[in-house]
Amino acid sequence: RLNEAAGCSLVSIIVDHIFLCIRDA
């Protein structure tokens, strides 16, 4: 259960990072 929550937040962080990279490109 806790692991799933951590995975979801990790995915959100990665998605945000990708969007930032795309904006900078």
N, C-alpha and C. Protein backbone atom coordinates (compact mmCIF):
# COMPACT_ATOMS: atom_id res chain seq x y z
N ARG A 1 0.86 -1.21 0.00
CA ARG A 1 0.00 0.00 0.00
C ARG A 1 0.89 1.25 0.00
N LEU A 2 1.78 1.32 0.97
CA LEU A 2 2.68 2.47 1.04
C LEU A 2 3.54 2.54 -0.22
N ASN A 3 3.98 1.38 -0.69
CA ASN A 3 4.83 1.34 -1.88
C ASN A 3 4.09 1.91 -3.09
N GLU A 4 2.79 1.60 -3.21
CA GLU A 4 2.02 2.11 -4.34
C GLU A 4 1.93 3.63 -4.31
N ALA A 5 1.72 4.19 -3.12
CA ALA A 5 1.63 5.65 -2.99
C ALA A 5 2.95 6.29 -3.39
N ALA A 6 4.05 5.68 -2.97
CA ALA A 6 5.37 6.22 -3.31
C ALA A 6 5.57 6.16 -4.81
N GLY A 7 5.12 5.07 -5.43
CA GLY A 7 5.27 4.92 -6.88
C GLY A 7 4.46 5.98 -7.62
N CYS A 8 3.24 6.26 -7.14
CA CYS A 8 2.41 7.26 -7.80
C CYS A 8 3.05 8.63 -7.72
N SER A 9 3.56 9.00 -6.55
CA SER A 9 4.19 10.32 -6.40
C SER A 9 5.45 10.39 -7.24
N LEU A 10 6.17 9.26 -7.34
CA LEU A 10 7.40 9.24 -8.14
C LEU A 10 7.05 9.48 -9.61
N VAL A 11 5.98 8.85 -10.08
CA VAL A 11 5.55 9.04 -11.46
C VAL A 11 5.19 10.51 -11.69
N SER A 12 4.50 11.12 -10.73
CA SER A 12 4.11 12.53 -10.87
C SER A 12 5.34 13.41 -10.99
N ILE A 13 6.36 13.13 -10.17
CA ILE A 13 7.59 13.92 -10.20
C ILE A 13 8.28 13.75 -11.55
N ILE A 14 8.32 12.52 -12.06
CA ILE A 14 8.98 12.27 -13.35
C ILE A 14 8.23 12.99 -14.46
N VAL A 15 6.89 12.94 -14.43
CA VAL A 15 6.09 13.61 -15.46
C VAL A 15 6.36 15.11 -15.41
N ASP A 16 6.38 15.70 -14.21
CA ASP A 16 6.66 17.13 -14.08
C ASP A 16 8.03 17.44 -14.66
N HIS A 17 9.02 16.60 -14.38
CA HIS A 17 10.38 16.82 -14.87
C HIS A 17 10.41 16.77 -16.39
N ILE A 18 9.69 15.82 -16.98
CA ILE A 18 9.66 15.70 -18.44
C ILE A 18 9.02 16.95 -19.04
N PHE A 19 7.92 17.42 -18.46
CA PHE A 19 7.27 18.62 -18.99
C PHE A 19 8.21 19.82 -18.92
N LEU A 20 8.98 19.95 -17.83
CA LEU A 20 9.93 21.05 -17.70
C LEU A 20 10.98 20.95 -18.79
N CYS A 21 11.47 19.73 -19.05
CA CYS A 21 12.49 19.53 -20.09
C CYS A 21 11.94 19.92 -21.45
N ILE A 22 10.68 19.55 -21.71
CA ILE A 22 10.07 19.86 -23.00
C ILE A 22 9.93 21.38 -23.15
N ARG A 23 9.53 22.05 -22.07
CA ARG A 23 9.37 23.51 -22.13
C ARG A 23 10.71 24.19 -22.39
N ASP A 24 11.77 23.67 -21.76
CA ASP A 24 13.09 24.28 -21.94
C ASP A 24 13.64 24.02 -23.34
N ALA A 25 13.28 22.90 -23.93
CA ALA A 25 13.82 22.53 -25.25
C ALA A 25 13.40 23.55 -26.30
